[in-house]
Every structure is written in structure tokens, then in C-alpha cells.
Amino acid sequence: MARDFNEDDLVYGDSWGLVHRGVLEDREIERMKALRDKVYGKVGVAITTLKPIGRVEIDGEVYEARLNNGYLDVRTQVKAVGVDVGYVLVNEYRKEGN
């Protein structure tokens, strides 16, 4: 990832969940950080409709995912923008210039 996180930062990239370090146990934080590092910034595809929760495939692995709001149809490209407890946070992927 491009930026480092310190003790006062959120641990979930550009998360909407805003879960702060003092809320979760250390092992759960480490698990979420590992997942974030694995998927952050990667492009995948919705394998179910996201309304706003569903499933996506990124690098051949399936994850529970959540949009900030709205919905996306099956086979829509998505980009992972963070991790919140139990979910990879995604936005619709739009190629630059479109």
C-alpha cells in the first residue's frame, strides 16, 4: 500500500466503517489488515448483485463485499477500497478517462 498507518489511524484503508483501533482485539485487527493488504486497490467482478451487500471475486478468491450505497449488477467490475469487519468495501470500477 502507498501509505503507512500509525496507532491513531483507521486500519481499513479508505473504509466507510470508521472502526478505530480501540474497538477490536489485536488479532482481529491484524486479520483485517492482512485482508486489506491482500485486496486493497485490486479490481474484481461482482458474482452476485450488490444491494449493497453481495459477493465479489478478486484474484480468483470470493469475498463478502459491501458498497457504500446503491447496487451493482452481476459481472460489474469493482475495485476494493478498504475492509470493514466482515466485508471488503468496493466501488464500481471505472477506467480512467471514462
N, C-alpha and C. Protein backbone atom coordinates (compact mmCIF):
# COMPACT_ATOMS: atom_id res chain seq x y z
N MET A 1 0.84 -1.19 0.00
CA MET A 1 0.00 0.00 0.00
C MET A 1 0.87 1.24 0.00
N ALA A 2 0.31 2.29 -0.47
CA ALA A 2 1.07 3.52 -0.66
C ALA A 2 1.31 4.27 0.64
N ARG A 3 0.45 4.10 1.64
CA ARG A 3 0.64 4.88 2.85
C ARG A 3 0.76 3.97 4.07
N ASP A 4 1.44 4.46 5.07
CA ASP A 4 1.61 3.71 6.31
C ASP A 4 0.56 4.16 7.31
N PHE A 5 0.17 3.27 8.20
CA PHE A 5 -0.82 3.58 9.23
C PHE A 5 -0.11 3.61 10.57
N ASN A 6 -0.48 4.58 11.40
CA ASN A 6 0.07 4.61 12.75
C ASN A 6 -1.05 4.29 13.74
N GLU A 7 -0.74 4.34 15.02
CA GLU A 7 -1.70 3.94 16.06
C GLU A 7 -2.99 4.76 16.04
N ASP A 8 -2.95 5.97 15.55
CA ASP A 8 -4.13 6.84 15.57
C ASP A 8 -4.94 6.78 14.28
N ASP A 9 -4.44 6.05 13.29
CA ASP A 9 -5.15 5.97 12.02
C ASP A 9 -6.18 4.85 12.04
N LEU A 10 -7.13 4.96 11.14
CA LEU A 10 -8.03 3.85 10.89
C LEU A 10 -7.23 2.73 10.24
N VAL A 11 -7.62 1.51 10.49
CA VAL A 11 -6.83 0.39 9.98
C VAL A 11 -7.38 -0.18 8.69
N TYR A 12 -8.34 0.44 8.09
CA TYR A 12 -9.03 -0.18 6.97
C TYR A 12 -8.95 0.59 5.66
N GLY A 13 -7.82 1.18 5.35
CA GLY A 13 -7.72 1.89 4.07
C GLY A 13 -8.72 3.02 4.02
N ASP A 14 -9.42 3.13 2.92
CA ASP A 14 -10.41 4.19 2.74
C ASP A 14 -11.79 3.69 3.18
N SER A 15 -11.84 3.10 4.37
CA SER A 15 -13.07 2.47 4.87
C SER A 15 -14.15 3.47 5.20
N TRP A 16 -15.39 3.07 4.94
CA TRP A 16 -16.55 3.85 5.38
C TRP A 16 -16.92 3.45 6.80
N GLY A 17 -16.43 2.29 7.24
CA GLY A 17 -16.84 1.75 8.53
C GLY A 17 -16.33 2.53 9.72
N LEU A 18 -15.20 3.19 9.57
CA LEU A 18 -14.62 4.03 10.61
C LEU A 18 -14.44 3.31 11.93
N VAL A 19 -14.04 2.04 11.86
CA VAL A 19 -13.75 1.29 13.07
C VAL A 19 -12.35 1.66 13.52
N HIS A 20 -12.21 2.13 14.72
CA HIS A 20 -10.92 2.59 15.21
C HIS A 20 -10.21 1.49 15.98
N ARG A 21 -8.92 1.61 16.09
CA ARG A 21 -8.08 0.61 16.71
C ARG A 21 -8.55 0.15 18.10
N GLY A 22 -9.17 0.98 18.91
CA GLY A 22 -9.56 0.60 20.26
C GLY A 22 -10.78 -0.28 20.33
N VAL A 23 -11.46 -0.56 19.22
CA VAL A 23 -12.72 -1.29 19.25
C VAL A 23 -12.53 -2.80 19.13
N LEU A 24 -11.54 -3.25 18.39
CA LEU A 24 -11.35 -4.67 18.12
C LEU A 24 -10.13 -5.22 18.84
N GLU A 25 -10.13 -6.55 19.03
CA GLU A 25 -8.96 -7.21 19.59
C GLU A 25 -7.82 -7.15 18.58
N ASP A 26 -6.59 -7.21 19.09
CA ASP A 26 -5.42 -7.09 18.22
C ASP A 26 -5.40 -8.15 17.13
N ARG A 27 -5.77 -9.39 17.44
CA ARG A 27 -5.72 -10.43 16.41
C ARG A 27 -6.72 -10.17 15.29
N GLU A 28 -7.88 -9.59 15.63
CA GLU A 28 -8.87 -9.25 14.61
C GLU A 28 -8.37 -8.09 13.75
N ILE A 29 -7.72 -7.13 14.37
CA ILE A 29 -7.13 -6.02 13.63
C ILE A 29 -6.08 -6.54 12.65
N GLU A 30 -5.24 -7.44 13.11
CA GLU A 30 -4.20 -7.99 12.24
C GLU A 30 -4.81 -8.78 11.08
N ARG A 31 -5.89 -9.50 11.34
CA ARG A 31 -6.57 -10.24 10.28
C ARG A 31 -7.17 -9.29 9.25
N MET A 32 -7.77 -8.21 9.71
CA MET A 32 -8.35 -7.22 8.80
C MET A 32 -7.26 -6.51 8.00
N LYS A 33 -6.14 -6.19 8.64
CA LYS A 33 -5.04 -5.54 7.93
C LYS A 33 -4.47 -6.46 6.87
N ALA A 34 -4.35 -7.76 7.17
CA ALA A 34 -3.84 -8.71 6.19
C ALA A 34 -4.78 -8.81 4.99
N LEU A 35 -6.08 -8.83 5.25
CA LEU A 35 -7.06 -8.87 4.17
C LEU A 35 -6.98 -7.58 3.36
N ARG A 36 -6.91 -6.44 4.03
CA ARG A 36 -6.78 -5.16 3.33
C ARG A 36 -5.56 -5.15 2.42
N ASP A 37 -4.44 -5.61 2.94
CA ASP A 37 -3.21 -5.61 2.15
C ASP A 37 -3.31 -6.56 0.95
N LYS A 38 -4.12 -7.60 1.09
CA LYS A 38 -4.29 -8.58 0.02
C LYS A 38 -5.17 -8.06 -1.12
N VAL A 39 -6.20 -7.26 -0.79
CA VAL A 39 -7.16 -6.87 -1.82
C VAL A 39 -7.19 -5.38 -2.16
N TYR A 40 -6.64 -4.53 -1.31
CA TYR A 40 -6.76 -3.08 -1.50
C TYR A 40 -6.27 -2.64 -2.88
N GLY A 41 -7.12 -1.90 -3.58
CA GLY A 41 -6.76 -1.35 -4.88
C GLY A 41 -6.93 -2.31 -6.04
N LYS A 42 -7.27 -3.56 -5.77
CA LYS A 42 -7.40 -4.55 -6.84
C LYS A 42 -8.79 -4.49 -7.46
N VAL A 43 -8.83 -4.87 -8.73
CA VAL A 43 -10.08 -4.90 -9.48
C VAL A 43 -10.58 -6.34 -9.52
N GLY A 44 -11.88 -6.47 -9.33
CA GLY A 44 -12.52 -7.78 -9.40
C GLY A 44 -13.87 -7.65 -10.09
N VAL A 45 -14.73 -8.63 -9.86
CA VAL A 45 -16.04 -8.64 -10.50
C VAL A 45 -17.10 -9.09 -9.50
N ALA A 46 -18.26 -8.48 -9.59
CA ALA A 46 -19.38 -8.89 -8.74
C ALA A 46 -19.89 -10.23 -9.24
N ILE A 47 -20.00 -11.22 -8.35
CA ILE A 47 -20.53 -12.52 -8.75
C ILE A 47 -21.97 -12.69 -8.26
N THR A 48 -22.44 -11.74 -7.48
CA THR A 48 -23.86 -11.62 -7.14
C THR A 48 -24.21 -10.15 -7.28
N THR A 49 -25.49 -9.85 -7.28
CA THR A 49 -25.90 -8.46 -7.25
C THR A 49 -25.49 -7.87 -5.90
N LEU A 50 -24.93 -6.68 -5.91
CA LEU A 50 -24.57 -6.00 -4.66
C LEU A 50 -25.66 -4.99 -4.36
N LYS A 51 -26.42 -5.22 -3.26
CA LYS A 51 -27.59 -4.37 -2.94
C LYS A 51 -27.58 -3.86 -1.52
N PRO A 52 -26.72 -3.30 -0.90
CA PRO A 52 -25.33 -3.05 -1.29
C PRO A 52 -24.38 -4.17 -0.89
N ILE A 53 -24.89 -5.27 -0.30
CA ILE A 53 -24.04 -6.39 0.13
C ILE A 53 -24.19 -7.54 -0.85
N GLY A 54 -23.09 -8.21 -1.12
CA GLY A 54 -23.08 -9.37 -2.00
C GLY A 54 -21.71 -10.00 -2.01
N ARG A 55 -21.39 -10.68 -3.09
CA ARG A 55 -20.08 -11.35 -3.20
C ARG A 55 -19.35 -10.87 -4.44
N VAL A 56 -18.03 -10.79 -4.29
CA VAL A 56 -17.17 -10.40 -5.40
C VAL A 56 -16.04 -11.42 -5.52
N GLU A 57 -15.46 -11.48 -6.70
CA GLU A 57 -14.29 -12.31 -6.91
C GLU A 57 -13.12 -11.40 -7.25
N ILE A 58 -12.04 -11.55 -6.50
CA ILE A 58 -10.82 -10.78 -6.72
C ILE A 58 -9.66 -11.77 -6.73
N ASP A 59 -8.88 -11.76 -7.78
CA ASP A 59 -7.74 -12.69 -7.93
C ASP A 59 -8.14 -14.14 -7.69
N GLY A 60 -9.32 -14.53 -8.19
CA GLY A 60 -9.75 -15.91 -8.09
C GLY A 60 -10.33 -16.33 -6.75
N GLU A 61 -10.41 -15.40 -5.80
CA GLU A 61 -10.99 -15.69 -4.48
C GLU A 61 -12.28 -14.92 -4.31
N VAL A 62 -13.24 -15.54 -3.60
CA VAL A 62 -14.55 -14.94 -3.38
C VAL A 62 -14.60 -14.30 -2.00
N TYR A 63 -15.14 -13.09 -1.94
CA TYR A 63 -15.24 -12.33 -0.70
C TYR A 63 -16.64 -11.77 -0.53
N GLU A 64 -17.09 -11.65 0.71
CA GLU A 64 -18.29 -10.89 1.02
C GLU A 64 -17.91 -9.43 0.81
N ALA A 65 -18.78 -8.67 0.16
CA ALA A 65 -18.43 -7.29 -0.17
C ALA A 65 -19.61 -6.36 0.13
N ARG A 66 -19.26 -5.07 0.27
CA ARG A 66 -20.28 -4.06 0.53
C ARG A 66 -19.95 -2.79 -0.23
N LEU A 67 -20.99 -2.21 -0.84
CA LEU A 67 -20.90 -0.89 -1.46
C LEU A 67 -21.24 0.17 -0.42
N ASN A 68 -20.83 1.38 -0.66
CA ASN A 68 -21.21 2.49 0.21
C ASN A 68 -22.72 2.69 0.17
N ASN A 69 -23.29 2.65 -1.01
CA ASN A 69 -24.74 2.74 -1.18
C ASN A 69 -25.11 2.30 -2.58
N GLY A 70 -26.38 2.11 -2.82
CA GLY A 70 -26.85 1.72 -4.14
C GLY A 70 -26.68 0.24 -4.39
N TYR A 71 -26.62 -0.13 -5.69
CA TYR A 71 -26.42 -1.53 -6.03
C TYR A 71 -25.67 -1.63 -7.35
N LEU A 72 -25.09 -2.82 -7.56
CA LEU A 72 -24.41 -3.14 -8.82
C LEU A 72 -24.89 -4.50 -9.30
N ASP A 73 -24.98 -4.66 -10.59
CA ASP A 73 -25.40 -5.92 -11.18
C ASP A 73 -24.26 -6.93 -11.21
N VAL A 74 -24.64 -8.19 -11.38
CA VAL A 74 -23.68 -9.28 -11.55
C VAL A 74 -22.78 -8.95 -12.74
N ARG A 75 -21.53 -9.33 -12.64
CA ARG A 75 -20.49 -9.14 -13.67
C ARG A 75 -20.01 -7.70 -13.81
N THR A 76 -20.43 -6.81 -12.92
CA THR A 76 -19.90 -5.44 -12.93
C THR A 76 -18.52 -5.45 -12.31
N GLN A 77 -17.58 -4.76 -12.92
CA GLN A 77 -16.24 -4.67 -12.36
C GLN A 77 -16.26 -3.77 -11.12
N VAL A 78 -15.52 -4.19 -10.10
CA VAL A 78 -15.43 -3.45 -8.85
C VAL A 78 -13.97 -3.26 -8.47
N LYS A 79 -13.74 -2.26 -7.62
CA LYS A 79 -12.39 -2.02 -7.10
C LYS A 79 -12.47 -2.01 -5.58
N ALA A 80 -11.58 -2.77 -4.94
CA ALA A 80 -11.53 -2.83 -3.48
C ALA A 80 -10.92 -1.54 -2.94
N VAL A 81 -11.65 -0.88 -2.01
CA VAL A 81 -11.18 0.40 -1.48
C VAL A 81 -10.95 0.34 0.03
N GLY A 82 -11.17 -0.81 0.65
CA GLY A 82 -10.94 -0.94 2.08
C GLY A 82 -11.55 -2.21 2.61
N VAL A 83 -11.47 -2.36 3.92
CA VAL A 83 -12.03 -3.52 4.61
C VAL A 83 -12.72 -3.03 5.86
N ASP A 84 -13.91 -3.53 6.08
CA ASP A 84 -14.65 -3.27 7.31
C ASP A 84 -15.01 -4.64 7.87
N VAL A 85 -15.22 -4.76 9.14
CA VAL A 85 -15.41 -6.05 9.79
C VAL A 85 -16.33 -6.95 8.97
N GLY A 86 -15.75 -8.00 8.41
CA GLY A 86 -16.51 -8.98 7.66
C GLY A 86 -16.69 -8.69 6.18
N TYR A 87 -16.32 -7.53 5.69
CA TYR A 87 -16.58 -7.17 4.30
C TYR A 87 -15.38 -6.50 3.64
N VAL A 88 -15.22 -6.79 2.35
CA VAL A 88 -14.34 -6.00 1.51
C VAL A 88 -15.21 -4.86 0.99
N LEU A 89 -14.76 -3.64 1.16
CA LEU A 89 -15.51 -2.47 0.69
C LEU A 89 -15.13 -2.21 -0.75
N VAL A 90 -16.13 -2.05 -1.61
CA VAL A 90 -15.88 -1.88 -3.04
C VAL A 90 -16.63 -0.70 -3.61
N ASN A 91 -16.12 -0.20 -4.72
CA ASN A 91 -16.79 0.79 -5.56
C ASN A 91 -16.83 0.20 -6.96
N GLU A 92 -17.75 0.71 -7.78
CA GLU A 92 -17.75 0.31 -9.17
C GLU A 92 -16.43 0.77 -9.80
N TYR A 93 -15.81 -0.10 -10.56
CA TYR A 93 -14.55 0.24 -11.22
C TYR A 93 -14.84 0.94 -12.53
N ARG A 94 -14.23 2.08 -12.68
CA ARG A 94 -14.34 2.83 -13.94
C ARG A 94 -12.93 3.16 -14.41
N LYS A 95 -12.63 2.73 -15.61
CA LYS A 95 -11.31 3.02 -16.16
C LYS A 95 -11.13 4.53 -16.26
N GLU A 96 -9.91 4.97 -16.01
CA GLU A 96 -9.64 6.41 -16.10
C GLU A 96 -9.96 6.90 -17.50
N GLY A 97 -10.56 8.09 -17.56
CA GLY A 97 -10.93 8.67 -18.84
C GLY A 97 -12.35 8.36 -19.25
N ASN A 98 -13.02 7.46 -18.48
CA ASN A 98 -14.43 7.12 -18.79
C ASN A 98 -15.35 7.74 -17.78
